[in-house]
């Protein structure tokens, strides 16, 4: 006898606590999205993906594993097959594009972040191994030394006369005496990229077995576009990076090298550090690279020129912009001291009220709190070097209180952003596909959500 009871799950009723919380959450999301289109983000550690590159992160792929890495589908075991038909987005798109743009034979897109790429790099070397790391006064990341110590490694500190240079003579003596397994160069605060060619030559002459690794998280977009020298072409053995700072990609991490042994060491430590590598983000990275590749050179050089112009005009307005002797910057970053006129935190709050998002930090290589600005996202979204004098005026007006924050915010909202002038547009053949994807992802009945 067949039961007449309907055992299918029924939708939760509206008006329940969960439904109300969902409504509240959606309102917050919508409010943030509206604000993001009216404000300007000058945080140098953040960027915005082109619209097409965002699609995988709200697609079915975002919830699927993709453990198999072989570019030959027939060689994969596919114990988890949820993303099998989309494998090409990693093995045929993201990885080959990075190999080409970085000039690297081996690329690993498994790290979830730049910091996890750092952890994988360090973990590839034995406990008790000596590793040479940048002092935070040289722009080194706050977490690098702590991670190395937790791995049991012996930390050696590399310093220099100023935030732009290392003391190569002392570095040579250190390497000759201690023979570090690794020199890890991570400029998270970078106005001038370090001379990797000189550093690599110094290290290899003093300690030929020392691996030179460059963490280019902040500089990736500038390296891929040729505005900053590629460390792999300058003698570095390997590089790592996050993919959402000067490069306009998802929050992800990468590793690259031309040395098979180094690539294999990453593969050996990877299973203990990473399970799912967030395939939706890898697919987003592949599409972001495709959007970026055609005009990488123009974008990267426009970023550097715009940062220098903004620094010059802020200095002309009377603000203390670091690096006057080097044109204020040779990257996407600027460091602006606002004291004694107002504390850095208060300066950041004034800019926030005027629709401009910035960092204020107390660990810049300046010895005091200051603003850290970056123009990479602004340029990617549509501002040009010609817009920097106007942007400098808006920043000055917000900081000095010369105009009401709401008035400045209105002018910020009117800046020519969201055009993504350096991003590739899908060609005519892809238009139908893009329309279909958009309909599949966003064109559902509201009730389905």
Protein backbone atom coordinates (compact mmCIF):
# COMPACT_ATOMS: atom_id res chain seq x y z
CA UNK A 1 0.00 0.00 0.00
CA UNK A 2 1.43 3.35 -0.99
CA UNK A 3 1.54 6.07 1.63
CA UNK A 4 -0.30 9.27 0.78
CA UNK A 5 1.83 11.34 3.14
CA UNK A 6 3.89 13.98 1.31
CA UNK A 7 7.39 13.71 2.81
CA UNK A 8 8.95 16.34 0.63
CA UNK A 9 10.46 19.27 2.63
CA UNK A 10 8.29 22.35 2.60
CA UNK A 11 9.67 25.90 2.37
CA UNK A 12 10.19 27.57 5.72
CA UNK A 13 7.41 30.04 6.45
CA UNK A 14 8.02 33.71 5.98
CA UNK A 15 8.08 35.89 9.06
CA UNK A 16 10.21 33.43 11.06
CA UNK A 17 13.37 34.61 12.90
CA UNK A 18 15.55 33.09 10.18
CA UNK A 19 13.57 34.79 7.43
CA UNK A 20 13.84 38.13 9.18
CA UNK A 21 17.59 37.71 9.64
CA UNK A 22 17.92 36.80 5.97
CA UNK A 23 16.04 39.97 5.03
CA UNK A 24 18.31 42.02 7.28
CA UNK A 25 21.39 40.44 5.77
CA UNK A 26 20.22 41.12 2.23
CA UNK A 27 19.57 44.76 3.13
CA UNK A 28 23.11 45.12 4.47
CA UNK A 29 24.50 43.54 1.29
CA UNK A 30 22.43 45.85 -0.93
CA UNK A 31 23.42 48.90 1.09
CA UNK A 32 27.11 48.05 0.78
CA UNK A 33 26.80 47.44 -2.96
CA UNK A 34 25.12 50.82 -3.46
CA UNK A 35 27.80 52.54 -1.38
CA UNK A 36 30.62 50.85 -3.31
CA UNK A 37 29.33 52.47 -6.50
CA UNK A 38 29.32 55.93 -4.92
CA UNK A 39 32.66 55.84 -3.08
CA UNK A 40 36.34 55.58 -4.04
CA UNK A 41 38.59 52.92 -2.54
CA UNK A 42 42.23 54.01 -2.14
CA UNK A 43 43.24 51.09 0.08
CA UNK A 44 46.36 49.67 -1.65
CA UNK A 45 45.65 46.13 -0.42
CA UNK A 46 42.31 45.95 -2.25
CA UNK A 47 41.04 46.03 -5.82
CA UNK A 48 37.86 45.39 -7.81
CA UNK A 49 37.34 42.60 -10.32
CA UNK A 50 35.83 43.32 -13.70
CA UNK A 51 32.17 42.25 -13.71
CA UNK A 52 32.68 39.12 -15.85
CA UNK A 53 35.39 37.85 -13.49
CA UNK A 54 33.02 38.00 -10.51
CA UNK A 55 30.55 35.51 -11.97
CA UNK A 56 32.22 32.23 -10.81
CA UNK A 57 32.01 33.28 -7.19
CA UNK A 58 28.21 33.27 -7.30
CA UNK A 59 28.00 30.22 -9.57
CA UNK A 60 27.62 26.52 -8.74
CA UNK A 61 31.43 26.17 -8.97
CA UNK A 62 31.83 28.14 -5.75
CA UNK A 63 30.62 25.11 -3.80
CA UNK A 64 32.57 22.39 -5.63
CA UNK A 65 35.86 20.64 -4.99
CA UNK A 66 38.43 20.32 -7.78
CA UNK A 67 41.28 18.24 -6.38
CA UNK A 68 42.60 16.82 -9.65
CA UNK A 69 45.36 18.97 -11.14
CA UNK A 70 46.36 17.09 -14.28
CA UNK A 71 45.75 19.10 -17.47
CA UNK A 72 44.90 15.73 -19.08
CA UNK A 73 41.35 14.87 -17.92
CA UNK A 74 41.96 11.21 -18.78
CA UNK A 75 44.79 11.06 -16.21
CA UNK A 76 42.65 12.33 -13.34
CA UNK A 77 40.94 9.98 -10.89
CA UNK A 78 37.95 12.25 -10.18
CA UNK A 79 36.99 11.00 -6.75
CA UNK A 80 35.21 14.36 -6.51
CA UNK A 81 33.66 15.10 -9.90
CA UNK A 82 31.49 18.12 -9.12
CA UNK A 83 33.68 20.50 -11.13
CA UNK A 84 35.02 17.99 -13.64
CA UNK A 85 33.45 19.70 -16.64
CA UNK A 86 34.97 23.05 -15.60
CA UNK A 87 38.55 21.89 -14.94
CA UNK A 88 39.81 23.93 -17.91
CA UNK A 89 39.21 27.16 -15.99
CA UNK A 90 42.19 26.20 -13.81
CA UNK A 91 44.41 23.97 -15.95
CA UNK A 92 43.67 25.61 -19.32
CA UNK A 93 43.13 29.25 -18.34
CA UNK A 94 44.42 30.47 -14.96
CA UNK A 95 47.63 28.44 -14.81
CA UNK A 96 48.76 28.91 -18.45
CA UNK A 97 48.07 32.66 -18.34
CA UNK A 98 50.12 33.04 -15.16
CA UNK A 99 52.90 30.94 -16.66
CA UNK A 100 53.01 33.22 -19.69
CA UNK A 101 52.71 36.53 -17.85
CA UNK A 102 55.25 35.57 -15.16
CA UNK A 103 57.60 33.61 -17.42
CA UNK A 104 57.29 30.67 -15.01
CA UNK A 105 57.39 26.99 -15.88
CA UNK A 106 55.56 26.00 -12.69
CA UNK A 107 52.55 27.80 -11.20
CA UNK A 108 50.52 26.75 -8.18
CA UNK A 109 47.10 28.39 -7.67
CA UNK A 110 46.15 26.35 -4.61
CA UNK A 111 46.89 28.85 -1.77
CA UNK A 112 43.79 30.59 -0.45
CA UNK A 113 45.64 33.84 0.25
CA UNK A 114 49.01 35.53 0.05
CA UNK A 115 49.64 34.67 3.68
CA UNK A 116 48.94 31.00 3.04
CA UNK A 117 51.32 31.12 0.06
CA UNK A 118 53.86 32.52 2.52
CA UNK A 119 53.17 29.63 4.89
CA UNK A 120 53.57 27.08 2.09
CA UNK A 121 56.86 28.66 1.07
CA UNK A 122 58.26 28.59 4.59
CA UNK A 123 56.90 25.11 5.36
CA UNK A 124 58.84 23.69 2.42
CA UNK A 125 62.04 24.17 4.45
CA UNK A 126 62.97 22.04 7.49
CA UNK A 127 62.35 22.95 11.10
CA UNK A 128 65.49 24.49 12.65
CA UNK A 129 66.57 25.76 9.21
CA UNK A 130 67.91 29.33 9.22
CA UNK A 131 65.68 31.64 7.15
CA UNK A 132 66.48 35.29 6.39
CA UNK A 133 63.51 37.66 6.55
CA UNK A 134 62.96 41.37 6.03
CA UNK A 135 62.67 43.52 9.12
CA UNK A 136 59.27 45.26 9.38
CA UNK A 137 61.31 48.48 9.17
CA UNK A 138 62.17 47.38 5.63
CA UNK A 139 58.54 46.80 4.71
CA UNK A 140 58.40 43.14 5.77
CA UNK A 141 55.02 41.62 6.60
CA UNK A 142 54.12 41.55 10.28
CA UNK A 143 53.39 37.78 10.29
CA UNK A 144 56.38 36.31 8.43
CA UNK A 145 58.78 35.96 11.35
CA UNK A 146 56.09 34.59 13.67
CA UNK A 147 55.09 31.93 11.13
CA UNK A 148 58.72 30.88 10.65
CA UNK A 149 59.26 30.61 14.40
CA UNK A 150 56.10 28.51 14.82
CA UNK A 151 57.54 26.17 12.21
CA UNK A 152 60.67 25.89 14.36
CA UNK A 153 62.90 27.83 11.99
CA UNK A 154 65.73 30.10 13.06
CA UNK A 155 64.92 33.66 11.98
CA UNK A 156 67.67 35.94 10.69
CA UNK A 157 66.72 39.59 10.19
CA UNK A 158 67.72 41.56 7.09
CA UNK A 159 67.91 45.35 7.39
CA UNK A 160 68.95 48.39 5.39
CA UNK A 161 69.66 52.11 5.64
CA UNK A 162 66.12 53.14 4.64
CA UNK A 163 62.82 51.54 3.55
CA UNK A 164 63.94 51.52 -0.09
CA UNK A 165 67.24 49.62 0.10
CA UNK A 166 68.86 46.65 1.80
CA UNK A 167 72.40 46.81 3.16
CA UNK A 168 73.97 44.47 0.61
CA UNK A 169 77.32 44.25 2.38
CA UNK A 170 75.66 43.14 5.62
CA UNK A 171 73.42 40.77 3.67
CA UNK A 172 76.48 39.16 2.07
CA UNK A 173 78.14 38.75 5.48
CA UNK A 174 74.96 37.25 6.94
CA UNK A 175 74.59 34.76 4.11
CA UNK A 176 78.24 33.76 4.17
CA UNK A 177 78.19 33.20 7.92
CA UNK A 178 74.77 31.60 8.42
CA UNK A 179 74.02 29.97 5.05
CA UNK A 180 70.26 30.50 5.27
CA UNK A 181 68.09 28.01 3.43
CA UNK A 182 65.84 30.84 2.28
CA UNK A 183 65.80 34.61 1.87
CA UNK A 184 62.15 35.73 1.91
CA UNK A 185 61.59 39.25 0.54
CA UNK A 186 58.08 40.51 1.31
CA UNK A 187 57.46 44.21 0.79
CA UNK A 188 53.95 44.78 2.04
CA UNK A 189 54.90 48.45 2.50
CA UNK A 190 56.61 49.43 -0.74
CA UNK A 191 57.26 52.82 -2.28
CA UNK A 192 60.30 51.55 -4.19
CA UNK A 193 60.57 47.88 -5.23
CA UNK A 194 63.77 46.29 -4.02
CA UNK A 195 66.51 45.66 -6.57
CA UNK A 196 66.01 41.90 -6.81
CA UNK A 197 68.82 41.51 -9.36
CA UNK A 198 71.38 43.04 -6.99
CA UNK A 199 70.00 41.16 -3.99
CA UNK A 200 69.99 37.81 -5.82
CA UNK A 201 73.55 38.28 -7.08
CA UNK A 202 74.73 39.21 -3.58
CA UNK A 203 73.08 36.18 -1.98
CA UNK A 204 74.22 33.67 -4.60
CA UNK A 205 77.82 34.89 -4.43
CA UNK A 206 77.87 34.52 -0.65
CA UNK A 207 75.71 31.39 -0.26
CA UNK A 208 74.96 29.60 -3.56
CA UNK A 209 72.44 27.20 -2.00
CA UNK A 210 70.23 29.92 -0.50
CA UNK A 211 66.87 30.18 -2.24
CA UNK A 212 65.77 33.75 -2.99
CA UNK A 213 62.00 34.12 -2.81
CA UNK A 214 60.10 37.34 -3.61
CA UNK A 215 56.60 37.86 -2.22
CA UNK A 216 55.08 40.29 -4.73
CA UNK A 217 51.58 40.44 -3.25
CA UNK A 218 51.36 44.22 -3.50
CA UNK A 219 53.25 44.39 -6.79
CA UNK A 220 51.72 41.54 -8.81
CA UNK A 221 49.69 43.69 -11.21
CA UNK A 222 52.68 45.99 -11.73
CA UNK A 223 55.00 43.05 -12.38
CA UNK A 224 52.59 41.40 -14.83
CA UNK A 225 52.32 44.73 -16.66
CA UNK A 226 56.05 45.41 -16.73
CA UNK A 227 56.04 48.55 -14.56
CA UNK A 228 58.06 46.68 -11.93
CA UNK A 229 60.80 44.20 -12.82
CA UNK A 230 59.83 40.52 -12.70
CA UNK A 231 61.82 38.90 -9.87
CA UNK A 232 62.04 35.59 -11.78
CA UNK A 233 63.81 37.44 -14.60
CA UNK A 234 66.12 39.12 -12.08
CA UNK A 235 67.55 36.03 -10.40
CA UNK A 236 64.92 35.14 -7.81
CA UNK A 237 64.23 31.41 -7.55
CA UNK A 238 60.53 31.72 -6.78
CA UNK A 239 57.71 34.18 -6.18
CA UNK A 240 54.38 34.25 -4.38
CA UNK A 241 51.56 36.74 -4.31
CA UNK A 242 48.02 37.47 -3.33
CA UNK A 243 45.85 38.32 -6.31
CA UNK A 244 43.70 41.26 -5.19
CA UNK A 245 45.98 44.25 -4.63
CA UNK A 246 47.61 45.91 -7.62
CA UNK A 247 46.25 42.95 -9.60
CA UNK A 248 42.44 43.17 -9.89
CA UNK A 249 41.53 39.60 -9.04
CA UNK A 250 39.79 37.58 -6.35
CA UNK A 251 41.16 37.09 -2.85
CA UNK A 252 43.52 34.21 -3.60
CA UNK A 253 47.20 33.26 -3.48
CA UNK A 254 49.67 31.94 -6.07
CA UNK A 255 53.19 30.49 -6.23
CA UNK A 256 55.51 30.40 -9.26
CA UNK A 257 59.00 29.17 -10.09
CA UNK A 258 61.16 27.79 -12.87
CA UNK A 259 62.78 25.25 -10.52
CA UNK A 260 61.12 21.79 -10.57
CA UNK A 261 62.48 20.97 -7.11
CA UNK A 262 60.88 24.04 -5.54
CA UNK A 263 57.56 23.35 -7.28
CA UNK A 264 57.65 19.79 -5.97
CA UNK A 265 58.33 20.98 -2.42
CA UNK A 266 55.15 23.05 -2.57
CA UNK A 267 53.17 20.03 -3.78
CA UNK A 268 54.50 17.97 -0.86
CA UNK A 269 53.40 20.43 1.84
CA UNK A 270 50.16 21.40 0.12
CA UNK A 271 47.94 18.49 1.34
CA UNK A 272 48.72 19.32 4.98
CA UNK A 273 47.85 23.01 4.55
CA UNK A 274 45.04 23.12 1.97
CA UNK A 275 42.02 20.93 1.36
CA UNK A 276 39.60 22.79 -0.87
CA UNK A 277 41.36 25.59 -2.73
CA UNK A 278 38.06 27.33 -3.49
CA UNK A 279 37.60 26.51 -7.14
CA UNK A 280 35.14 29.36 -7.68
CA UNK A 281 37.94 31.78 -6.79
CA UNK A 282 40.37 29.98 -9.12
CA UNK A 283 37.85 30.32 -11.96
CA UNK A 284 37.45 34.00 -11.07
CA UNK A 285 41.25 34.35 -11.18
CA UNK A 286 41.35 32.83 -14.66
CA UNK A 287 38.70 35.23 -15.96
CA UNK A 288 40.40 38.15 -14.21
CA UNK A 289 43.68 37.26 -15.92
CA UNK A 290 41.92 37.04 -19.29
CA UNK A 291 40.33 40.45 -18.67
CA UNK A 292 43.70 41.89 -17.69
CA UNK A 293 46.19 40.39 -20.13
CA UNK A 294 45.60 42.50 -23.26
CA UNK A 295 46.26 45.88 -21.57
CA UNK A 296 48.40 44.85 -18.62
CA UNK A 297 51.23 47.15 -19.73
CA UNK A 298 49.02 50.24 -20.10
CA UNK A 299 47.27 49.61 -16.79
CA UNK A 300 50.45 49.03 -14.76
CA UNK A 301 52.24 52.09 -16.08
CA UNK A 302 49.15 54.25 -15.62
CA UNK A 303 48.94 53.11 -11.99
CA UNK A 304 52.52 54.17 -11.24
CA UNK A 305 52.19 57.47 -13.11
CA UNK A 306 48.92 58.23 -11.32
CA UNK A 307 50.35 57.45 -7.89
CA UNK A 308 53.28 59.76 -8.55
CA UNK A 309 50.96 62.52 -9.77
CA UNK A 310 48.67 62.18 -6.74
CA UNK A 311 51.68 62.31 -4.42
CA UNK A 312 53.02 65.42 -6.13
CA UNK A 313 49.70 67.27 -5.88
CA UNK A 314 49.11 66.28 -2.25
CA UNK A 315 52.60 67.52 -1.41
CA UNK A 316 51.92 70.77 -3.25
CA UNK A 317 48.82 71.18 -1.07
CA UNK A 318 51.05 71.09 1.99
CA UNK A 319 50.74 67.45 3.07
CA UNK A 320 53.78 65.47 4.18
CA UNK A 321 54.07 62.78 1.49
CA UNK A 322 56.98 60.39 2.05
CA UNK A 323 59.67 59.87 -0.56
CA UNK A 324 60.05 63.34 -2.01
CA UNK A 325 63.54 62.37 -3.21
CA UNK A 326 62.17 59.47 -5.27
CA UNK A 327 59.12 61.22 -6.71
CA UNK A 328 57.04 59.99 -3.75
CA UNK A 329 56.60 56.49 -5.15
CA UNK A 330 57.53 53.99 -7.83
CA UNK A 331 54.63 51.67 -7.08
CA UNK A 332 50.89 52.10 -6.45
CA UNK A 333 51.39 53.21 -2.82
CA UNK A 334 51.73 56.59 -1.10
CA UNK A 335 52.45 57.28 2.60
CA UNK A 336 50.97 60.52 3.90
CA UNK A 337 51.68 61.93 7.36
CA UNK A 338 48.82 64.13 8.59
CA UNK A 339 50.17 65.03 12.04
CA UNK A 340 50.43 67.54 13.62
CA UNK A 341 47.42 68.90 11.71
CA UNK A 342 45.29 65.89 12.71
CA UNK A 343 45.95 62.30 13.80
CA UNK A 344 46.06 59.62 11.11
CA UNK A 345 42.96 57.85 12.45
CA UNK A 346 40.98 61.10 12.45
CA UNK A 347 42.21 61.83 8.92
CA UNK A 348 40.96 58.43 7.73
CA UNK A 349 37.58 59.09 9.35
CA UNK A 350 37.26 62.45 7.61
CA UNK A 351 38.01 60.84 4.28
CA UNK A 352 35.52 58.06 4.97
CA UNK A 353 32.80 60.63 5.60
CA UNK A 354 33.72 62.19 2.25
CA UNK A 355 33.37 58.88 0.39
CA UNK A 356 37.08 58.03 0.20
CA UNK A 357 38.34 54.78 1.77
CA UNK A 358 41.99 54.66 2.92
CA UNK A 359 44.31 52.81 5.29
CA UNK A 360 45.68 54.40 8.40
CA UNK A 361 48.54 52.36 9.84
CA UNK A 362 50.96 52.61 12.72
CA UNK A 363 53.51 50.12 11.35
CA UNK A 364 54.70 51.90 8.21
CA UNK A 365 58.50 52.32 8.03
CA UNK A 366 58.06 55.92 9.16
CA UNK A 367 58.07 55.52 12.94
CA UNK A 368 54.63 57.09 13.39
CA UNK A 369 51.01 56.57 12.27
CA UNK A 370 50.21 57.72 8.74
CA UNK A 371 47.84 57.16 5.85
CA UNK A 372 48.69 54.53 3.24
CA UNK A 373 47.00 55.29 -0.08
CA UNK A 374 46.90 53.27 -3.29
CA UNK A 375 45.52 54.11 -6.73
CA UNK A 376 45.38 50.66 -8.36
CA UNK A 377 41.63 50.16 -7.92
CA UNK A 378 40.86 53.75 -8.90
CA UNK A 379 42.77 53.34 -12.17
CA UNK A 380 41.28 49.92 -12.90
CA UNK A 381 37.79 51.35 -12.40
CA UNK A 382 38.38 54.28 -14.73
CA UNK A 383 40.41 57.15 -13.26
CA UNK A 384 43.45 58.34 -15.20
CA UNK A 385 46.58 60.31 -14.43
CA UNK A 386 44.73 63.42 -15.60
CA UNK A 387 42.20 62.94 -12.77
CA UNK A 388 44.82 63.01 -10.00
CA UNK A 389 44.96 66.82 -9.50
CA UNK A 390 41.18 66.85 -8.94
CA UNK A 391 41.38 63.85 -6.62
CA UNK A 392 44.15 65.55 -4.63
CA UNK A 393 41.91 68.61 -4.21
CA UNK A 394 39.05 66.46 -2.93
CA UNK A 395 41.35 64.74 -0.44
CA UNK A 396 42.72 68.09 0.72
CA UNK A 397 39.21 69.56 1.10
CA UNK A 398 38.09 66.57 3.15
CA UNK A 399 41.14 66.62 5.41
CA UNK A 400 41.13 70.37 6.03
CA UNK A 401 37.36 70.65 6.37
CA UNK A 402 37.31 73.32 3.68
CA UNK A 403 34.03 71.82 2.43
CA UNK A 404 31.34 69.77 4.10
CA UNK A 405 31.93 66.00 3.84
CA UNK A 406 28.64 65.51 2.00
CA UNK A 407 29.67 68.03 -0.66
CA UNK A 408 33.01 66.31 -1.19
CA UNK A 409 31.27 62.92 -1.23
CA UNK A 410 28.98 64.13 -4.02
CA UNK A 411 32.00 65.04 -6.12
CA UNK A 412 33.63 61.69 -5.32
CA UNK A 413 30.47 59.90 -6.49
CA UNK A 414 30.69 61.84 -9.76
CA UNK A 415 34.22 60.61 -10.56
CA UNK A 416 34.38 58.59 -13.79
CA UNK A 417 34.62 55.12 -12.25
CA UNK A 418 33.05 51.70 -13.03
CA UNK A 419 34.08 51.89 -16.70
CA UNK A 420 36.97 49.39 -16.36
CA UNK A 421 38.83 50.88 -19.34
CA UNK A 422 41.72 48.40 -19.18
CA UNK A 423 39.57 45.26 -18.98
CA UNK A 424 38.90 43.15 -22.04
CA UNK A 425 35.25 43.01 -23.10
CA UNK A 426 33.68 39.76 -24.28
CA UNK A 427 33.62 39.73 -28.08
CA UNK A 428 30.50 39.29 -30.18
CA UNK A 429 30.78 35.52 -30.12
CA UNK A 430 30.72 35.55 -26.31
CA UNK A 431 27.82 37.95 -25.90
CA UNK A 432 25.19 35.23 -26.07
CA UNK A 433 27.09 33.10 -23.57
CA UNK A 434 27.40 36.01 -21.16
CA UNK A 435 23.68 36.70 -21.47
CA UNK A 436 22.95 33.05 -20.74
CA UNK A 437 25.25 32.99 -17.69
CA UNK A 438 23.74 36.17 -16.33
CA UNK A 439 20.25 34.75 -16.76
CA UNK A 440 21.23 31.49 -15.07
CA UNK A 441 22.87 33.22 -12.10
CA UNK A 442 20.74 36.30 -11.61
CA UNK A 443 17.59 35.94 -13.67
CA UNK A 444 15.77 33.47 -11.44
CA UNK A 445 12.46 34.11 -9.81
CA UNK A 446 13.00 35.93 -6.53
CA UNK A 447 11.14 33.20 -4.68
CA UNK A 448 13.77 30.62 -5.65
CA UNK A 449 16.22 32.30 -3.36
